[in-house]
Amino acid sequence: MLNIKKEKEGEKLIVALEGRLDTTSAPQLKDELEPLSDDVKELVLDIKYLDYVSSAGLRVLLSMHKSMGKRGRMVLRGANENVMEIFEVTGFASILNIEA
């Protein structure tokens, strides 16, 4: 299960994720993020309470990273040790913008 909370601050959209980003919940996140308004120039994903990311979740993150790269940037913030390990093992740590 994945809980998603969104908060807009001007051109910045902060999306807090809690739970598991897996095959079941990845489409839910995609549906929440894909219709972003054009005025969003920075997408911040607060992932400190994200427990797990599957390959389906990684695909959604990569897709949003590419989409935001055309109009601004996407940042992942607060990855815990388990999630960070997934990013490192898959090589996503060098692709995505990850902040402490």
Protein backbone atom coordinates (compact mmCIF):
# COMPACT_ATOMS: atom_id res chain seq x y z
CA MET A 1 0.00 0.00 0.00
CA LEU A 2 1.18 3.50 -0.84
CA ASN A 3 0.00 6.73 0.77
CA ILE A 4 0.50 9.87 -1.32
CA LYS A 5 0.22 13.42 0.03
CA LYS A 6 0.71 16.44 -2.24
CA GLU A 7 1.47 20.03 -1.28
CA LYS A 8 2.07 22.85 -3.76
CA GLU A 9 4.32 25.83 -2.99
CA GLY A 10 4.38 28.14 -6.01
CA GLU A 11 6.21 26.32 -8.80
CA LYS A 12 7.24 23.48 -6.46
CA LEU A 13 5.15 20.36 -5.85
CA ILE A 14 6.10 18.29 -2.82
CA VAL A 15 4.82 14.72 -2.85
CA ALA A 16 5.25 12.64 0.31
CA LEU A 17 5.26 8.88 -0.22
CA GLU A 18 4.69 6.36 2.55
CA GLY A 19 4.64 2.57 2.23
CA ARG A 20 5.65 0.40 -0.71
CA LEU A 21 6.17 1.53 -4.30
CA ASP A 22 5.65 -1.77 -6.07
CA THR A 23 3.76 -3.38 -8.95
CA THR A 24 0.43 -2.71 -7.25
CA SER A 25 1.03 0.92 -6.26
CA ALA A 26 3.23 2.16 -9.14
CA PRO A 27 0.21 2.82 -11.41
CA GLN A 28 -1.37 4.83 -8.58
CA LEU A 29 1.71 7.06 -8.34
CA LYS A 30 1.89 7.39 -12.13
CA ASP A 31 -1.76 8.51 -12.23
CA GLU A 32 -1.09 11.10 -9.50
CA LEU A 33 2.05 12.54 -11.11
CA GLU A 34 1.54 12.42 -14.87
CA PRO A 35 -1.13 15.13 -15.15
CA LEU A 36 1.14 17.76 -13.55
CA SER A 37 0.23 21.29 -14.47
CA ASP A 38 2.69 23.21 -16.63
CA ASP A 39 3.48 25.65 -13.83
CA VAL A 40 5.25 22.91 -11.79
CA LYS A 41 8.97 23.46 -12.34
CA GLU A 42 10.25 21.43 -9.39
CA LEU A 43 8.94 18.08 -8.21
CA VAL A 44 10.16 16.99 -4.78
CA LEU A 45 9.43 13.42 -3.75
CA ASP A 46 9.76 13.04 0.01
CA ILE A 47 10.57 9.34 0.34
CA LYS A 48 11.75 9.11 3.94
CA TYR A 49 8.77 6.86 4.78
CA LEU A 50 9.04 4.74 1.65
CA ASP A 51 9.83 1.14 2.67
CA TYR A 52 10.47 -0.50 -0.69
CA VAL A 53 10.77 0.24 -4.41
CA SER A 54 10.27 -2.45 -7.06
CA SER A 55 11.25 -2.31 -10.73
CA ALA A 56 7.76 -1.01 -11.54
CA GLY A 57 8.30 1.82 -9.08
CA LEU A 58 11.73 2.57 -10.55
CA ARG A 59 10.14 2.85 -14.02
CA VAL A 60 7.66 5.46 -12.76
CA LEU A 61 10.44 7.44 -11.06
CA LEU A 62 12.59 7.35 -14.20
CA SER A 63 9.66 8.41 -16.37
CA MET A 64 8.92 11.39 -14.12
CA HIS A 65 12.62 12.28 -13.95
CA LYS A 66 12.74 12.46 -17.77
CA SER A 67 9.48 14.40 -17.96
CA MET A 68 10.56 16.95 -15.35
CA GLY A 69 13.97 17.32 -17.01
CA LYS A 70 12.24 19.04 -19.92
CA ARG A 71 10.73 21.79 -17.75
CA GLY A 72 12.58 21.82 -14.45
CA ARG A 73 13.84 19.14 -12.10
CA MET A 74 12.80 16.27 -9.88
CA VAL A 75 14.45 15.59 -6.53
CA LEU A 76 14.13 12.56 -4.25
CA ARG A 77 14.57 13.57 -0.63
CA GLY A 78 15.19 11.54 2.52
CA ALA A 79 15.82 8.03 1.18
CA ASN A 80 16.34 5.53 3.98
CA GLU A 81 19.10 2.93 3.92
CA ASN A 82 17.00 0.15 2.33
CA VAL A 83 15.65 2.33 -0.48
CA MET A 84 19.06 3.91 -1.09
CA GLU A 85 20.54 0.43 -1.46
CA ILE A 86 17.96 -0.35 -4.17
CA PHE A 87 18.94 2.85 -6.01
CA GLU A 88 22.63 2.01 -5.74
CA VAL A 89 22.34 -1.64 -6.82
CA THR A 90 20.21 -0.73 -9.85
CA GLY A 91 22.37 2.23 -10.86
CA PHE A 92 19.52 4.71 -10.30
CA ALA A 93 21.60 6.54 -7.68
CA SER A 94 23.68 7.99 -10.49
CA ILE A 95 20.65 8.88 -12.65
CA LEU A 96 18.20 10.42 -10.19
CA ASN A 97 18.75 13.57 -8.11
CA ILE A 98 18.83 12.24 -4.55
CA GLU A 99 19.25 14.53 -1.53
CA ALA A 100 19.64 13.59 2.12
